[in-house]
Amino acid sequence: FQKHEFFVDMTCEGCSKAVTRVLDRLGGVQFDIDLPNKKVFIDSEHNVDTLLETLKKTGKNTSYLGEKSAQ
């Protein structure tokens, strides 16, 4: 899988929980949330548009930063 990197304007634990909730509901994703740097790293078969739309459901300012090659 490609690992995708997204910016999500998260300011607190509640924000990261909202991200976790929408991604868990989508399913088929493995992800890491980097709260201090406001980043979410996602491993998924879903395309970027789907992931971005899902993250936007949190109501946070969200953008796609690009792909990280899987280590």
N, C-alpha and C. Protein backbone atom coordinates (compact mmCIF):
# COMPACT_ATOMS: atom_id res chain seq x y z
N PHE A 1 0.85 -1.21 0.00
CA PHE A 1 0.00 0.00 0.00
C PHE A 1 0.87 1.25 0.00
N GLN A 2 0.35 2.29 -0.58
CA GLN A 2 1.00 3.59 -0.42
C GLN A 2 0.62 4.11 0.94
N LYS A 3 1.51 4.83 1.55
CA LYS A 3 1.18 5.50 2.80
C LYS A 3 0.95 6.96 2.44
N HIS A 4 -0.21 7.45 2.76
CA HIS A 4 -0.56 8.82 2.42
C HIS A 4 -0.43 9.72 3.64
N GLU A 5 -0.02 10.94 3.38
CA GLU A 5 0.17 11.90 4.46
C GLU A 5 -0.83 13.05 4.29
N PHE A 6 -1.58 13.31 5.34
CA PHE A 6 -2.57 14.38 5.30
C PHE A 6 -2.32 15.37 6.43
N PHE A 7 -2.64 16.62 6.15
CA PHE A 7 -2.66 17.64 7.20
C PHE A 7 -4.10 17.72 7.70
N VAL A 8 -4.29 17.66 9.00
CA VAL A 8 -5.62 17.87 9.59
C VAL A 8 -5.43 18.84 10.75
N ASP A 9 -6.17 19.92 10.74
CA ASP A 9 -6.00 20.96 11.76
C ASP A 9 -6.55 20.51 13.11
N MET A 10 -5.79 19.67 13.80
CA MET A 10 -6.21 19.12 15.09
C MET A 10 -5.53 19.91 16.20
N THR A 11 -6.32 20.28 17.19
CA THR A 11 -5.75 21.06 18.28
C THR A 11 -5.78 20.32 19.61
N CYS A 12 -6.51 19.22 19.66
CA CYS A 12 -6.66 18.54 20.95
C CYS A 12 -6.92 17.05 20.76
N GLU A 13 -6.95 16.36 21.88
CA GLU A 13 -7.23 14.93 21.91
C GLU A 13 -8.58 14.63 21.25
N GLY A 14 -9.55 15.51 21.49
CA GLY A 14 -10.89 15.34 20.91
C GLY A 14 -10.85 15.32 19.39
N CYS A 15 -9.99 16.19 18.84
CA CYS A 15 -9.84 16.25 17.37
C CYS A 15 -9.30 14.93 16.84
N SER A 16 -8.28 14.40 17.52
CA SER A 16 -7.70 13.16 17.03
C SER A 16 -8.69 12.00 17.19
N LYS A 17 -9.53 12.07 18.21
CA LYS A 17 -10.58 11.05 18.37
C LYS A 17 -11.59 11.13 17.23
N ALA A 18 -11.90 12.34 16.80
CA ALA A 18 -12.84 12.52 15.68
C ALA A 18 -12.25 11.90 14.41
N VAL A 19 -10.96 12.10 14.20
CA VAL A 19 -10.28 11.51 13.04
C VAL A 19 -10.34 9.98 13.13
N THR A 20 -10.03 9.46 14.31
CA THR A 20 -10.08 8.01 14.53
C THR A 20 -11.47 7.46 14.23
N ARG A 21 -12.48 8.19 14.68
CA ARG A 21 -13.87 7.75 14.50
C ARG A 21 -14.24 7.66 13.02
N VAL A 22 -13.96 8.70 12.25
CA VAL A 22 -14.36 8.67 10.83
C VAL A 22 -13.56 7.63 10.04
N LEU A 23 -12.29 7.44 10.40
CA LEU A 23 -11.48 6.45 9.68
C LEU A 23 -11.90 5.02 10.04
N ASP A 24 -12.24 4.80 11.31
CA ASP A 24 -12.72 3.48 11.72
C ASP A 24 -14.03 3.15 11.02
N ARG A 25 -14.87 4.15 10.85
CA ARG A 25 -16.15 3.95 10.18
C ARG A 25 -15.95 3.60 8.71
N LEU A 26 -14.95 4.23 8.09
CA LEU A 26 -14.64 3.94 6.69
C LEU A 26 -14.15 2.50 6.54
N GLY A 27 -13.27 2.09 7.45
CA GLY A 27 -12.74 0.73 7.41
C GLY A 27 -11.67 0.55 6.35
N GLY A 28 -10.91 -0.52 6.51
CA GLY A 28 -9.86 -0.83 5.53
C GLY A 28 -8.70 0.14 5.56
N VAL A 29 -8.49 0.77 6.71
CA VAL A 29 -7.39 1.71 6.84
C VAL A 29 -6.56 1.39 8.08
N GLN A 30 -5.26 1.62 7.96
CA GLN A 30 -4.38 1.60 9.12
C GLN A 30 -3.82 3.01 9.16
N PHE A 31 -3.77 3.60 10.34
CA PHE A 31 -3.32 4.99 10.38
C PHE A 31 -2.60 5.34 11.67
N ASP A 32 -1.80 6.39 11.57
CA ASP A 32 -1.12 6.96 12.73
C ASP A 32 -1.47 8.43 12.75
N ILE A 33 -1.73 8.93 13.94
CA ILE A 33 -2.06 10.34 14.09
C ILE A 33 -0.91 11.03 14.82
N ASP A 34 -0.39 12.07 14.21
CA ASP A 34 0.67 12.87 14.81
C ASP A 34 0.04 14.20 15.21
N LEU A 35 -0.49 14.23 16.43
CA LEU A 35 -1.24 15.40 16.89
C LEU A 35 -0.42 16.69 16.95
N PRO A 36 0.80 16.66 17.54
CA PRO A 36 1.58 17.90 17.62
C PRO A 36 1.85 18.54 16.26
N ASN A 37 2.08 17.70 15.24
CA ASN A 37 2.36 18.23 13.90
C ASN A 37 1.14 18.28 13.00
N LYS A 38 -0.02 17.93 13.58
CA LYS A 38 -1.29 17.99 12.83
C LYS A 38 -1.26 17.17 11.55
N LYS A 39 -0.71 15.96 11.68
CA LYS A 39 -0.62 15.09 10.50
C LYS A 39 -1.26 13.75 10.78
N VAL A 40 -1.81 13.18 9.71
CA VAL A 40 -2.37 11.83 9.78
C VAL A 40 -1.74 11.03 8.65
N PHE A 41 -1.17 9.88 9.01
CA PHE A 41 -0.55 8.99 8.02
C PHE A 41 -1.47 7.80 7.84
N ILE A 42 -1.85 7.52 6.61
CA ILE A 42 -2.82 6.46 6.36
C ILE A 42 -2.30 5.45 5.35
N ASP A 43 -2.43 4.17 5.71
CA ASP A 43 -2.17 3.05 4.80
C ASP A 43 -3.53 2.53 4.38
N SER A 44 -3.82 2.53 3.09
CA SER A 44 -5.14 2.11 2.68
C SER A 44 -5.21 1.78 1.21
N GLU A 45 -6.20 0.97 0.85
CA GLU A 45 -6.47 0.70 -0.56
C GLU A 45 -7.41 1.77 -1.13
N HIS A 46 -8.04 2.53 -0.24
CA HIS A 46 -8.94 3.60 -0.70
C HIS A 46 -8.13 4.66 -1.43
N ASN A 47 -8.76 5.33 -2.39
CA ASN A 47 -8.02 6.38 -3.08
C ASN A 47 -7.98 7.65 -2.24
N VAL A 48 -7.13 8.56 -2.65
CA VAL A 48 -6.89 9.78 -1.89
C VAL A 48 -8.17 10.61 -1.73
N ASP A 49 -8.98 10.69 -2.79
CA ASP A 49 -10.21 11.48 -2.71
C ASP A 49 -11.13 10.96 -1.62
N THR A 50 -11.26 9.63 -1.55
CA THR A 50 -12.11 9.02 -0.53
C THR A 50 -11.57 9.33 0.86
N LEU A 51 -10.28 9.21 1.03
CA LEU A 51 -9.66 9.47 2.33
C LEU A 51 -9.82 10.93 2.73
N LEU A 52 -9.62 11.82 1.76
CA LEU A 52 -9.75 13.25 2.03
C LEU A 52 -11.19 13.61 2.41
N GLU A 53 -12.15 13.09 1.66
CA GLU A 53 -13.56 13.34 1.97
C GLU A 53 -13.90 12.82 3.37
N THR A 54 -13.36 11.65 3.70
CA THR A 54 -13.60 11.07 5.01
C THR A 54 -13.04 11.96 6.12
N LEU A 55 -11.81 12.41 5.94
CA LEU A 55 -11.19 13.27 6.94
C LEU A 55 -11.93 14.60 7.08
N LYS A 56 -12.49 15.08 5.97
CA LYS A 56 -13.22 16.36 6.01
C LYS A 56 -14.50 16.25 6.83
N LYS A 57 -15.00 15.02 7.02
CA LYS A 57 -16.20 14.83 7.84
C LYS A 57 -15.97 15.24 9.28
N THR A 58 -14.71 15.38 9.68
CA THR A 58 -14.42 15.83 11.04
C THR A 58 -14.73 17.33 11.19
N GLY A 59 -14.90 18.01 10.06
CA GLY A 59 -15.14 19.46 10.11
C GLY A 59 -13.85 20.25 10.25
N LYS A 60 -12.72 19.56 10.21
CA LYS A 60 -11.43 20.24 10.33
C LYS A 60 -10.89 20.62 8.96
N ASN A 61 -10.04 21.63 8.97
CA ASN A 61 -9.33 22.02 7.76
C ASN A 61 -8.37 20.87 7.42
N THR A 62 -8.50 20.31 6.23
CA THR A 62 -7.76 19.11 5.86
C THR A 62 -7.14 19.26 4.48
N SER A 63 -5.92 18.80 4.31
CA SER A 63 -5.35 18.79 2.97
C SER A 63 -4.43 17.59 2.79
N TYR A 64 -4.22 17.22 1.54
CA TYR A 64 -3.39 16.07 1.21
C TYR A 64 -1.96 16.55 1.00
N LEU A 65 -1.02 15.96 1.71
CA LEU A 65 0.37 16.39 1.63
C LEU A 65 1.21 15.57 0.66
N GLY A 66 0.75 14.36 0.36
CA GLY A 66 1.49 13.55 -0.60
C GLY A 66 1.70 12.13 -0.10
N GLU A 67 2.44 11.36 -0.89
CA GLU A 67 2.67 9.97 -0.55
C GLU A 67 3.99 9.82 0.17
N LYS A 68 4.00 8.94 1.12
CA LYS A 68 5.27 8.55 1.73
C LYS A 68 5.52 7.14 1.27
N SER A 69 6.74 6.86 0.84
CA SER A 69 7.00 5.49 0.41
C SER A 69 7.04 4.61 1.65
N ALA A 70 6.41 3.46 1.55
CA ALA A 70 6.35 2.55 2.69
C ALA A 70 7.75 2.04 3.00
N GLN A 71 8.12 2.09 4.23
CA GLN A 71 9.45 1.63 4.65
C GLN A 71 9.42 0.13 4.86
